[in-house]
Structures are given as structure tokens and as C-alpha cells.
Protein backbone atom coordinates (compact mmCIF):
# COMPACT_ATOMS: atom_id res chain seq x y z
CA MET A 1 0.00 0.00 0.00
CA PRO A 2 1.46 3.44 -0.90
CA ILE A 3 2.68 5.54 2.01
CA ALA A 4 0.33 8.43 1.09
CA GLU A 5 -2.66 6.13 1.66
CA THR A 6 -1.56 5.03 5.12
CA LEU A 7 -0.18 8.21 6.68
CA PRO A 8 -1.92 11.58 7.16
CA ILE A 9 0.09 14.67 6.24
CA THR A 10 1.84 15.69 9.45
CA ARG A 11 5.22 17.20 10.17
CA ARG A 12 6.46 13.68 10.91
CA CYS A 13 5.21 12.44 7.53
CA PHE A 14 6.78 15.40 5.75
CA PHE A 15 10.17 14.48 7.23
CA LEU A 16 9.54 10.82 6.41
CA GLY A 17 9.14 11.89 2.78
CA ALA A 18 12.43 13.79 2.97
CA SER A 19 14.12 10.70 4.41
CA LEU A 20 12.75 8.62 1.53
CA ALA A 21 14.23 11.14 -0.89
CA ALA A 22 17.69 10.35 0.42
CA ALA A 23 17.17 6.58 0.25
CA ALA A 24 14.98 6.19 -2.83
CA PRO A 25 14.42 9.44 -4.75
CA SER A 26 11.80 8.05 -7.16
CA ALA A 27 9.67 6.71 -4.29
CA ALA A 28 9.87 10.06 -2.50
CA VAL A 29 8.80 11.97 -5.60
CA ALA A 30 5.81 9.66 -6.02
CA TRP A 31 4.94 10.02 -2.32
CA LEU A 32 5.15 13.83 -2.40
CA ALA A 33 3.08 13.98 -5.59
CA ALA A 34 0.35 11.84 -3.99
CA ALA A 35 0.49 13.65 -0.65
CA ALA A 36 0.50 17.21 -2.03
CA PRO A 37 -2.18 17.60 -4.70
CA ALA A 38 -1.80 20.59 -7.00
CA ALA A 39 -3.48 23.83 -6.02
CA HIS A 40 -6.36 24.97 -8.21
CA ALA A 41 -5.29 27.01 -11.23
CA ALA A 42 -5.28 30.77 -10.71
CA SER A 43 -7.41 32.96 -12.93
CA ASP A 44 -4.35 34.71 -14.30
CA SER A 45 -2.25 32.40 -16.47
CA ALA A 46 1.02 34.06 -15.36
CA ASP A 47 0.11 33.37 -11.72
CA ALA A 48 -0.96 29.82 -12.57
CA ALA A 49 2.46 29.02 -14.03
CA ASP A 50 4.18 29.91 -10.74
CA MET A 51 1.48 28.59 -8.36
CA PRO A 52 3.04 25.94 -6.11
CA ALA A 53 1.53 22.53 -5.49
CA ALA A 54 -0.04 22.79 -2.05
CA THR A 55 -1.65 20.83 0.71
CA LEU A 56 -3.12 21.90 4.04
CA ILE A 57 -1.05 20.25 6.78
CA ASN A 58 -2.72 21.88 9.80
CA SER A 59 -6.26 23.27 9.80
CA GLY A 60 -6.27 24.64 13.35
CA GLU A 61 -6.36 28.29 14.44
CA ALA A 62 -3.16 28.91 12.47
CA PRO A 63 -3.57 26.89 9.25
CA SER A 64 -0.31 25.67 7.70
CA TYR A 65 0.36 24.72 4.09
CA LEU A 66 3.10 22.67 2.49
CA LEU A 67 4.01 24.52 -0.73
CA VAL A 68 6.11 22.67 -3.31
CA PHE A 69 7.64 24.58 -6.23
CA HIS A 70 9.09 22.82 -9.29
CA THR A 71 11.73 23.62 -11.92
CA GLY A 72 11.13 26.94 -13.65
CA GLN A 73 8.66 28.34 -11.14
CA GLU A 74 9.36 31.73 -9.56
CA ILE A 75 9.07 31.67 -5.77
CA MET A 76 7.95 35.24 -5.05
CA LYS A 77 5.35 35.29 -7.85
CA GLY A 78 4.03 31.91 -6.71
CA LEU A 79 3.76 33.02 -3.08
CA LEU A 80 1.79 36.11 -4.05
CA ALA A 81 -0.52 34.10 -6.32
CA PHE A 82 -1.17 31.60 -3.51
CA ALA A 83 -1.85 34.36 -0.94
CA ARG A 84 -4.24 36.18 -3.28
CA LYS A 85 -6.11 33.00 -4.17
CA HIS A 86 -6.63 32.08 -0.50
CA ASP A 87 -7.21 35.66 0.78
CA LEU A 88 -4.32 35.35 3.25
CA VAL A 89 -3.68 38.34 5.55
CA ALA A 90 -0.74 37.29 7.76
CA GLY A 91 1.73 34.49 8.35
CA HIS A 92 5.31 33.29 8.39
CA LEU A 93 7.22 30.83 6.22
CA THR A 94 10.35 28.71 6.13
CA GLY A 95 11.84 26.59 3.40
CA ILE A 96 14.70 24.79 1.68
CA GLY A 97 15.42 23.60 -1.85
CA ALA A 98 17.54 24.57 -4.86
CA ILE A 99 17.44 27.38 -7.39
CA SER A 100 19.02 28.14 -10.76
CA ASP A 101 19.17 31.91 -10.34
CA ALA A 102 18.06 34.60 -7.94
CA GLU A 103 18.11 38.29 -7.22
CA ILE A 104 19.01 39.11 -3.63
CA GLY A 105 20.09 42.27 -1.87
CA TYR A 106 20.49 44.23 1.29
CA PHE A 107 19.13 47.57 2.44
CA ASP A 108 21.71 50.36 2.49
CA PRO A 109 20.64 52.87 5.19
CA GLU A 110 22.96 55.55 3.77
CA THR A 111 21.06 55.64 0.45
CA ASN A 112 17.67 54.36 1.68
CA ALA A 113 17.74 51.84 -1.16
CA TYR A 114 18.35 48.15 -1.72
CA ARG A 115 21.60 47.07 -3.37
CA ARG A 116 20.63 44.17 -5.63
CA HIS A 117 22.83 41.28 -6.76
CA LYS A 118 22.08 38.67 -9.42
CA GLU A 119 23.03 35.12 -8.49
CA SER A 120 23.13 33.30 -11.84
CA GLU A 121 24.48 29.91 -10.86
CA GLN A 122 22.81 26.83 -9.46
CA ALA A 123 22.63 27.10 -5.67
CA GLU A 124 21.22 25.24 -2.72
CA LEU A 125 18.47 27.14 -0.94
CA LEU A 126 19.95 26.53 2.50
CA SER A 127 17.39 28.62 4.33
CA LEU A 128 14.37 30.72 3.43
CA ALA A 129 12.51 32.63 6.14
CA GLY A 130 9.96 35.38 5.92
CA ASN A 131 6.61 36.82 6.81
CA LEU A 132 3.33 37.79 5.19
CA ALA A 133 1.41 40.97 5.96
CA LEU A 134 -0.89 43.36 4.15
CA ASN A 135 0.50 46.42 2.38
CA ASP A 136 -2.26 48.68 1.01
CA ASP A 137 -4.69 45.77 1.62
CA ALA A 138 -2.67 43.46 -0.68
CA PRO A 139 -0.53 40.49 0.44
CA PHE A 140 3.15 41.38 0.85
CA PHE A 141 5.92 38.86 1.56
CA HIS A 142 9.19 39.94 3.20
CA VAL A 143 11.63 37.07 2.60
CA HIS A 144 15.33 36.49 3.33
CA VAL A 145 17.47 33.62 2.02
CA VAL A 146 20.84 31.96 2.41
CA LEU A 147 22.19 30.38 -0.80
CA GLY A 148 24.93 27.74 -0.87
CA SER A 149 27.34 27.77 -3.82
CA ARG A 150 29.18 24.89 -5.48
CA ASP A 151 32.39 25.70 -3.57
CA GLY A 152 30.59 25.57 -0.21
CA SER A 153 30.46 29.33 0.30
CA ALA A 154 27.18 31.01 1.21
CA ARG A 155 25.53 34.30 0.25
CA GLY A 156 22.36 35.73 1.58
CA GLY A 157 20.03 38.65 1.81
CA HIS A 158 16.59 39.97 0.99
CA LEU A 159 14.93 37.87 -1.73
CA PHE A 160 13.51 39.75 -4.72
CA GLU A 161 13.11 36.73 -7.01
CA ALA A 162 14.34 33.16 -7.43
CA THR A 163 13.76 30.54 -10.09
CA VAL A 164 13.44 26.99 -8.76
CA ARG A 165 15.56 24.08 -9.99
CA PRO A 166 14.57 21.33 -9.20
CA THR A 167 12.41 22.02 -6.11
CA ALA A 168 11.69 24.38 -3.25
CA GLU A 169 9.75 23.08 -0.26
CA LEU A 170 8.15 25.71 1.98
CA VAL A 171 5.86 25.63 5.00
CA LEU A 172 3.56 28.66 5.28
CA THR A 173 1.75 29.11 8.60
CA THR A 174 -1.05 31.65 8.38
CA SER A 175 -3.03 33.76 10.81
CA PRO A 176 -6.64 34.91 10.46
CA ARG A 177 -5.83 38.24 12.18
CA PRO A 178 -4.50 40.76 9.63
CA VAL A 179 -1.06 42.24 10.13
CA ARG A 180 -0.40 45.47 8.26
CA ARG A 181 2.56 47.41 6.93
CA THR A 182 2.84 51.17 6.78
CA ILE A 183 5.40 53.35 5.03
CA ASP A 184 8.17 54.46 7.38
CA SER A 185 8.82 58.20 7.01
CA GLU A 186 12.60 57.83 7.40
CA THR A 187 13.37 54.84 5.15
CA HIS A 188 10.25 54.92 2.91
CA LEU A 189 9.97 51.15 3.38
CA PRO A 190 6.70 49.33 4.18
CA LEU A 191 7.43 48.22 7.76
CA LEU A 192 5.28 46.08 10.06
CA ASP A 193 2.84 48.10 12.14
CA PRO A 194 1.69 45.82 14.98
């Protein structure tokens, strides 16, 4: 009997799937495909192309979703499409995976602007962490990443965009209570306003 038919999606099962990936990659891919059905197509075809496969892994007061991106999908566009489709107003996310290129940066307080850097090589997505809030009543993700290079070095910063290759696996925990951002008068950035 396939694993997906015998185990509910829990954090333990998610890590079991990751363990299977190390031992038998084809079995893990089949398990993840069965355990994480694709999200419904978005009305906008551009959003639909980047929409991650998703499954609800916790339906309590703070619903959590497993979001799985595949080769060629853009993480930030996919996150926004998912948040819009599900009317999400707040949350936090973590993730790992691999990407083929990205644009990252850091905020320079002397110029009140982000310095952006293109990362054009294949990299491990060692860590992705961020939050979701509303900015002008629209979902807004603030995401940071650490990328691992072929030589073992790491680079990180604010994530503007990243193209997945072959996968990115994120957990998004949401909140029903809206969190909002307002423009800071000094930096002109949309900062959290608790």
C-alpha cells in the first residue's frame, strides 16, 4: 500500500518523505506527488504558471500549508498568487530547496535603497525565512534567504526573485488576524505596524 494512503500529512510524515528522498528518490517523488495535490489554477495564467503545489497540513487556528515549487517556477510570484487565491492576511514561512538563479540584496541605510545582486548559478536554498502581511490591503511577503554555492560558500540577503531548480519546499503558517505594513517616514519602506 502506498505511504500516502496510510499516513496523514503531518510534520512527521513530511520528514519521512524527505528521508525517503535520500534513500529512494523516485519513491519520495511519487509520495510527495500523492500527498501534495496541485493547487487549483489561478485565474491569471502568469500566476498559474508559478502557483506551487499545495496541501493543508494543519487546519487549526493557524492553518499551515506545504508549498512545493518545481523547476522553472518563480518563488515570489508563486507566493503572491497563492496568498491572493486564499485571501491570506498574515503568516510566516520557512523553506529549503535549490534554485538556478536569484536576485538578492540588502538595504543600504545611507542611500535608503536596496543594493541588488544577481546570483546566476545553481545554488542550494539553505534557508528561506519570511513573513506575510498586508500592504495597502494586498498580500506582501518579506523574505530572506541563504544560498549555498558549489564551492561551499554562502551568500544571503533579501529575496527579490528566485527561479526553482529542481524544487523548493516551503511551509507557510497563516493567521486569520490581519497584520499590516505602513510606510516608514525615514526609510520609505513598508514596515510592520503591529
